[in-house]
Amino acid sequence: MIYKYNKSLVSNAKTLRKNMTKEEKHLWYDFLKKLPFTVNRQKNISDYIVDFFIAEKRVVIEIDGSQHFEPANREADKQRDAELLKLGITVLRYSNYEINRKFEAVCNDILHRLDVQATELKYKD
């Protein structure tokens, strides 16, 4: 399915792809690239730029820094998640702390939610 997106955000998305956070890089290079699906980084959907998007599964993966835990940002995230849910997209959120300290648990949770077995991951020889 193709989702409408705000064309004025395209430049921002490209910049974000080139300047991923350390946690985004870790998740991307050490796990998401190995999934048996296409995973888009910094994807424009509607009026948002999501960290990672798996269209085949209709799943967004967000990595939240400390600013996401402030009340105003927490509310904005709730509204954003609700808007994406209206499009049939599920949002999975993980904190920087979880990526840094509980990486294996995060990966296992993503596999479980995507209904993927670890044996299905792609590894380069």
N, C-alpha and C. Protein backbone atom coordinates (compact mmCIF):
# COMPACT_ATOMS: atom_id res chain seq x y z
N MET A 1 0.84 -1.18 0.00
CA MET A 1 0.00 0.00 0.00
C MET A 1 0.89 1.24 0.00
N ILE A 2 0.50 2.23 -0.76
CA ILE A 2 1.22 3.50 -0.81
C ILE A 2 0.48 4.50 0.07
N TYR A 3 1.25 5.18 0.92
CA TYR A 3 0.67 6.14 1.83
C TYR A 3 0.98 7.55 1.34
N LYS A 4 0.01 8.44 1.51
CA LYS A 4 0.24 9.84 1.18
C LYS A 4 1.25 10.41 2.15
N TYR A 5 2.01 11.39 1.67
CA TYR A 5 3.01 12.01 2.54
C TYR A 5 3.16 13.49 2.21
N ASN A 6 3.66 14.21 3.17
CA ASN A 6 3.88 15.64 3.05
C ASN A 6 5.20 15.86 2.31
N LYS A 7 5.12 16.34 1.08
CA LYS A 7 6.31 16.50 0.24
C LYS A 7 7.32 17.49 0.84
N SER A 8 6.87 18.41 1.66
CA SER A 8 7.80 19.37 2.26
C SER A 8 8.71 18.71 3.30
N LEU A 9 8.42 17.48 3.69
CA LEU A 9 9.25 16.77 4.67
C LEU A 9 10.34 15.90 4.04
N VAL A 10 10.33 15.79 2.71
CA VAL A 10 11.28 14.90 2.03
C VAL A 10 12.73 15.29 2.33
N SER A 11 13.04 16.55 2.26
CA SER A 11 14.40 17.01 2.53
C SER A 11 14.82 16.69 3.97
N ASN A 12 13.91 16.91 4.91
CA ASN A 12 14.20 16.58 6.32
C ASN A 12 14.47 15.10 6.49
N ALA A 13 13.68 14.26 5.81
CA ALA A 13 13.85 12.81 5.92
C ALA A 13 15.23 12.40 5.40
N LYS A 14 15.65 12.98 4.28
CA LYS A 14 16.97 12.67 3.72
C LYS A 14 18.07 13.05 4.70
N THR A 15 17.93 14.21 5.30
CA THR A 15 18.92 14.67 6.29
C THR A 15 18.97 13.71 7.48
N LEU A 16 17.80 13.30 7.96
CA LEU A 16 17.74 12.38 9.10
C LEU A 16 18.36 11.03 8.76
N ARG A 17 18.18 10.55 7.51
CA ARG A 17 18.79 9.29 7.09
C ARG A 17 20.31 9.37 7.13
N LYS A 18 20.83 10.53 6.77
CA LYS A 18 22.29 10.72 6.75
C LYS A 18 22.86 10.95 8.14
N ASN A 19 22.01 11.32 9.08
CA ASN A 19 22.47 11.68 10.43
C ASN A 19 21.72 10.89 11.50
N MET A 20 21.68 9.57 11.35
CA MET A 20 20.98 8.74 12.32
C MET A 20 21.67 8.83 13.68
N THR A 21 20.86 8.68 14.73
CA THR A 21 21.43 8.64 16.07
C THR A 21 22.21 7.34 16.24
N LYS A 22 23.02 7.30 17.26
CA LYS A 22 23.81 6.08 17.53
C LYS A 22 22.88 4.88 17.75
N GLU A 23 21.76 5.10 18.42
CA GLU A 23 20.81 4.00 18.69
C GLU A 23 20.13 3.54 17.40
N GLU A 24 19.77 4.49 16.54
CA GLU A 24 19.18 4.13 15.25
C GLU A 24 20.17 3.33 14.42
N LYS A 25 21.42 3.76 14.39
CA LYS A 25 22.45 3.03 13.64
C LYS A 25 22.61 1.61 14.18
N HIS A 26 22.65 1.49 15.50
CA HIS A 26 22.81 0.18 16.13
C HIS A 26 21.67 -0.75 15.71
N LEU A 27 20.45 -0.29 15.86
CA LEU A 27 19.30 -1.12 15.50
C LEU A 27 19.32 -1.44 14.00
N TRP A 28 19.62 -0.46 13.17
CA TRP A 28 19.62 -0.63 11.72
C TRP A 28 20.68 -1.63 11.27
N TYR A 29 21.92 -1.35 11.60
CA TYR A 29 23.03 -2.16 11.09
C TYR A 29 23.14 -3.53 11.75
N ASP A 30 22.76 -3.61 13.01
CA ASP A 30 22.94 -4.86 13.75
C ASP A 30 21.70 -5.74 13.81
N PHE A 31 20.58 -5.24 13.27
CA PHE A 31 19.37 -6.06 13.33
C PHE A 31 18.41 -5.86 12.16
N LEU A 32 17.90 -4.65 11.98
CA LEU A 32 16.82 -4.44 11.01
C LEU A 32 17.21 -4.80 9.57
N LYS A 33 18.47 -4.57 9.21
CA LYS A 33 18.91 -4.91 7.85
C LYS A 33 18.85 -6.41 7.58
N LYS A 34 18.81 -7.21 8.64
CA LYS A 34 18.80 -8.66 8.51
C LYS A 34 17.39 -9.24 8.39
N LEU A 35 16.38 -8.40 8.58
CA LEU A 35 15.00 -8.89 8.50
C LEU A 35 14.67 -9.31 7.06
N PRO A 36 13.78 -10.27 6.91
CA PRO A 36 13.42 -10.73 5.56
C PRO A 36 12.39 -9.83 4.87
N PHE A 37 12.36 -8.56 5.22
CA PHE A 37 11.44 -7.58 4.64
C PHE A 37 12.24 -6.33 4.28
N THR A 38 11.67 -5.52 3.42
CA THR A 38 12.25 -4.22 3.17
C THR A 38 11.93 -3.31 4.34
N VAL A 39 12.96 -2.68 4.89
CA VAL A 39 12.79 -1.75 6.00
C VAL A 39 13.27 -0.39 5.50
N ASN A 40 12.38 0.59 5.54
CA ASN A 40 12.74 1.95 5.13
C ASN A 40 13.13 2.76 6.35
N ARG A 41 14.20 3.55 6.20
CA ARG A 41 14.65 4.44 7.26
C ARG A 41 14.09 5.83 7.00
N GLN A 42 13.70 6.52 8.08
CA GLN A 42 13.22 7.90 8.00
C GLN A 42 12.22 8.07 6.85
N LYS A 43 11.16 7.34 6.94
CA LYS A 43 10.12 7.28 5.90
C LYS A 43 9.04 8.32 6.16
N ASN A 44 8.65 9.03 5.11
CA ASN A 44 7.55 10.00 5.20
C ASN A 44 6.23 9.24 5.08
N ILE A 45 5.37 9.43 6.06
CA ILE A 45 4.02 8.90 6.03
C ILE A 45 3.11 9.99 6.56
N SER A 46 2.14 10.38 5.76
CA SER A 46 1.23 11.46 6.14
C SER A 46 2.05 12.71 6.45
N ASP A 47 1.87 13.29 7.62
CA ASP A 47 2.62 14.49 8.01
C ASP A 47 3.77 14.16 8.96
N TYR A 48 4.24 12.93 8.90
CA TYR A 48 5.26 12.47 9.84
C TYR A 48 6.46 11.88 9.11
N ILE A 49 7.58 11.87 9.82
CA ILE A 49 8.75 11.11 9.40
C ILE A 49 8.96 10.07 10.49
N VAL A 50 8.84 8.81 10.14
CA VAL A 50 9.00 7.73 11.11
C VAL A 50 10.43 7.20 11.02
N ASP A 51 10.93 6.68 12.12
CA ASP A 51 12.31 6.19 12.14
C ASP A 51 12.50 5.02 11.18
N PHE A 52 11.68 3.99 11.32
CA PHE A 52 11.77 2.80 10.46
C PHE A 52 10.37 2.35 10.09
N PHE A 53 10.20 1.90 8.85
CA PHE A 53 8.89 1.46 8.39
C PHE A 53 9.01 0.15 7.62
N ILE A 54 8.20 -0.82 8.00
CA ILE A 54 8.13 -2.10 7.31
C ILE A 54 6.74 -2.17 6.69
N ALA A 55 6.65 -1.78 5.41
CA ALA A 55 5.36 -1.68 4.73
C ALA A 55 4.64 -3.02 4.67
N GLU A 56 5.38 -4.08 4.40
CA GLU A 56 4.78 -5.41 4.27
C GLU A 56 4.03 -5.83 5.53
N LYS A 57 4.51 -5.38 6.66
CA LYS A 57 3.89 -5.72 7.94
C LYS A 57 3.08 -4.56 8.53
N ARG A 58 3.12 -3.40 7.85
CA ARG A 58 2.43 -2.21 8.33
C ARG A 58 2.84 -1.86 9.76
N VAL A 59 4.16 -1.82 9.95
CA VAL A 59 4.73 -1.56 11.27
C VAL A 59 5.76 -0.43 11.18
N VAL A 60 5.66 0.49 12.12
CA VAL A 60 6.64 1.55 12.30
C VAL A 60 7.40 1.22 13.58
N ILE A 61 8.72 1.44 13.54
CA ILE A 61 9.54 1.28 14.73
C ILE A 61 10.14 2.64 15.05
N GLU A 62 9.88 3.12 16.26
CA GLU A 62 10.37 4.42 16.71
C GLU A 62 11.37 4.22 17.84
N ILE A 63 12.47 4.96 17.77
CA ILE A 63 13.47 4.97 18.83
C ILE A 63 13.35 6.32 19.53
N ASP A 64 12.99 6.29 20.79
CA ASP A 64 12.69 7.52 21.53
C ASP A 64 13.84 7.95 22.44
N GLY A 65 14.31 9.16 22.22
CA GLY A 65 15.27 9.79 23.12
C GLY A 65 14.54 10.40 24.30
N SER A 66 15.29 11.00 25.19
CA SER A 66 14.72 11.52 26.44
C SER A 66 13.64 12.57 26.22
N GLN A 67 13.71 13.33 25.13
CA GLN A 67 12.71 14.37 24.88
C GLN A 67 11.30 13.78 24.72
N HIS A 68 11.21 12.52 24.33
CA HIS A 68 9.90 11.89 24.15
C HIS A 68 9.18 11.61 25.47
N PHE A 69 9.89 11.75 26.56
CA PHE A 69 9.28 11.47 27.86
C PHE A 69 8.78 12.73 28.57
N GLU A 70 8.96 13.87 27.93
CA GLU A 70 8.40 15.11 28.45
C GLU A 70 6.90 15.11 28.14
N PRO A 71 6.07 15.64 29.04
CA PRO A 71 4.61 15.55 28.88
C PRO A 71 4.08 16.01 27.51
N ALA A 72 4.53 17.13 27.01
CA ALA A 72 4.02 17.64 25.73
C ALA A 72 4.39 16.70 24.59
N ASN A 73 5.61 16.18 24.60
CA ASN A 73 6.04 15.27 23.55
C ASN A 73 5.37 13.91 23.67
N ARG A 74 5.12 13.50 24.89
CA ARG A 74 4.43 12.23 25.11
C ARG A 74 3.02 12.30 24.49
N GLU A 75 2.34 13.43 24.71
CA GLU A 75 1.00 13.63 24.14
C GLU A 75 1.06 13.67 22.61
N ALA A 76 2.04 14.37 22.08
CA ALA A 76 2.20 14.44 20.62
C ALA A 76 2.45 13.05 20.03
N ASP A 77 3.24 12.24 20.71
CA ASP A 77 3.50 10.87 20.25
C ASP A 77 2.22 10.04 20.27
N LYS A 78 1.39 10.23 21.31
CA LYS A 78 0.11 9.50 21.38
C LYS A 78 -0.78 9.86 20.19
N GLN A 79 -0.84 11.14 19.88
CA GLN A 79 -1.67 11.59 18.74
C GLN A 79 -1.12 11.05 17.43
N ARG A 80 0.19 11.11 17.28
CA ARG A 80 0.84 10.60 16.07
C ARG A 80 0.57 9.10 15.90
N ASP A 81 0.74 8.33 16.99
CA ASP A 81 0.48 6.90 16.95
C ASP A 81 -0.97 6.61 16.57
N ALA A 82 -1.90 7.41 17.10
CA ALA A 82 -3.32 7.24 16.79
C ALA A 82 -3.59 7.52 15.31
N GLU A 83 -2.96 8.55 14.76
CA GLU A 83 -3.13 8.87 13.34
C GLU A 83 -2.58 7.74 12.47
N LEU A 84 -1.43 7.20 12.83
CA LEU A 84 -0.86 6.10 12.06
C LEU A 84 -1.73 4.84 12.18
N LEU A 85 -2.29 4.63 13.36
CA LEU A 85 -3.17 3.48 13.55
C LEU A 85 -4.40 3.58 12.65
N LYS A 86 -4.90 4.79 12.44
CA LYS A 86 -6.03 4.99 11.53
C LYS A 86 -5.68 4.56 10.11
N LEU A 87 -4.39 4.60 9.78
CA LEU A 87 -3.92 4.16 8.47
C LEU A 87 -3.63 2.66 8.45
N GLY A 88 -3.87 2.01 9.59
CA GLY A 88 -3.62 0.57 9.68
C GLY A 88 -2.18 0.23 10.04
N ILE A 89 -1.46 1.20 10.58
CA ILE A 89 -0.05 1.02 10.90
C ILE A 89 0.12 0.93 12.42
N THR A 90 0.81 -0.10 12.87
CA THR A 90 1.13 -0.29 14.27
C THR A 90 2.48 0.36 14.56
N VAL A 91 2.57 1.06 15.68
CA VAL A 91 3.82 1.71 16.07
C VAL A 91 4.43 0.96 17.25
N LEU A 92 5.68 0.55 17.09
CA LEU A 92 6.45 -0.06 18.16
C LEU A 92 7.46 0.98 18.64
N ARG A 93 7.47 1.26 19.93
CA ARG A 93 8.36 2.28 20.48
C ARG A 93 9.34 1.65 21.46
N TYR A 94 10.61 2.06 21.30
CA TYR A 94 11.67 1.62 22.20
C TYR A 94 12.49 2.85 22.57
N SER A 95 12.95 2.88 23.79
CA SER A 95 13.75 4.02 24.24
C SER A 95 15.23 3.80 23.89
N ASN A 96 15.98 4.89 23.89
CA ASN A 96 17.43 4.78 23.71
C ASN A 96 18.02 3.85 24.75
N TYR A 97 17.52 3.95 25.97
CA TYR A 97 18.00 3.09 27.05
C TYR A 97 17.83 1.62 26.68
N GLU A 98 16.64 1.27 26.17
CA GLU A 98 16.39 -0.13 25.80
C GLU A 98 17.33 -0.58 24.68
N ILE A 99 17.56 0.29 23.71
CA ILE A 99 18.48 -0.06 22.62
C ILE A 99 19.89 -0.27 23.17
N ASN A 100 20.31 0.58 24.07
CA ASN A 100 21.67 0.51 24.62
C ASN A 100 21.87 -0.59 25.66
N ARG A 101 20.84 -0.87 26.44
CA ARG A 101 21.01 -1.80 27.57
C ARG A 101 20.26 -3.12 27.43
N LYS A 102 19.26 -3.16 26.56
CA LYS A 102 18.43 -4.37 26.44
C LYS A 102 18.23 -4.71 24.96
N PHE A 103 19.32 -4.61 24.19
CA PHE A 103 19.23 -4.75 22.74
C PHE A 103 18.63 -6.10 22.32
N GLU A 104 19.09 -7.17 22.91
CA GLU A 104 18.59 -8.49 22.55
C GLU A 104 17.08 -8.60 22.83
N ALA A 105 16.64 -8.06 23.94
CA ALA A 105 15.21 -8.09 24.28
C ALA A 105 14.40 -7.28 23.27
N VAL A 106 14.93 -6.13 22.84
CA VAL A 106 14.24 -5.31 21.83
C VAL A 106 14.13 -6.10 20.53
N CYS A 107 15.22 -6.71 20.10
CA CYS A 107 15.21 -7.49 18.86
C CYS A 107 14.23 -8.65 18.94
N ASN A 108 14.22 -9.35 20.07
CA ASN A 108 13.29 -10.46 20.25
C ASN A 108 11.84 -9.98 20.24
N ASP A 109 11.59 -8.82 20.83
CA ASP A 109 10.24 -8.26 20.83
C ASP A 109 9.80 -7.93 19.40
N ILE A 110 10.69 -7.33 18.64
CA ILE A 110 10.36 -6.99 17.24
C ILE A 110 10.09 -8.27 16.46
N LEU A 111 10.94 -9.27 16.60
CA LEU A 111 10.71 -10.55 15.91
C LEU A 111 9.35 -11.12 16.26
N HIS A 112 9.04 -11.12 17.55
CA HIS A 112 7.75 -11.65 18.02
C HIS A 112 6.58 -10.88 17.39
N ARG A 113 6.65 -9.56 17.41
CA ARG A 113 5.56 -8.74 16.89
C ARG A 113 5.42 -8.83 15.37
N LEU A 114 6.53 -9.14 14.69
CA LEU A 114 6.48 -9.31 13.24
C LEU A 114 6.19 -10.75 12.84
N ASP A 115 6.12 -11.63 13.83
CA ASP A 115 5.91 -13.06 13.61
C ASP A 115 7.01 -13.64 12.71
N VAL A 116 8.25 -13.39 13.14
CA VAL A 116 9.43 -13.85 12.41
C VAL A 116 10.27 -14.69 13.35
N GLN A 117 10.81 -15.77 12.83
CA GLN A 117 11.74 -16.59 13.60
C GLN A 117 13.16 -16.09 13.38
N ALA A 118 13.99 -16.19 14.38
CA ALA A 118 15.38 -15.74 14.25
C ALA A 118 16.09 -16.45 13.10
N THR A 119 15.68 -17.67 12.80
CA THR A 119 16.30 -18.42 11.71
C THR A 119 16.01 -17.81 10.33
N GLU A 120 15.05 -16.90 10.26
CA GLU A 120 14.70 -16.26 9.00
C GLU A 120 15.55 -15.02 8.71
N LEU A 121 16.37 -14.62 9.67
CA LEU A 121 17.21 -13.43 9.47
C LEU A 121 18.25 -13.69 8.40
N LYS A 122 18.58 -12.64 7.65
CA LYS A 122 19.56 -12.74 6.57
C LYS A 122 20.94 -12.36 7.12
N TYR A 123 21.90 -13.20 6.89
CA TYR A 123 23.28 -12.93 7.29
C TYR A 123 24.17 -13.03 6.07
N LYS A 124 25.13 -12.12 5.98
CA LYS A 124 26.10 -12.17 4.88
C LYS A 124 27.13 -13.23 5.21
N ASP A 125 27.54 -13.96 4.19
CA ASP A 125 28.58 -14.99 4.39
C ASP A 125 29.96 -14.38 4.36
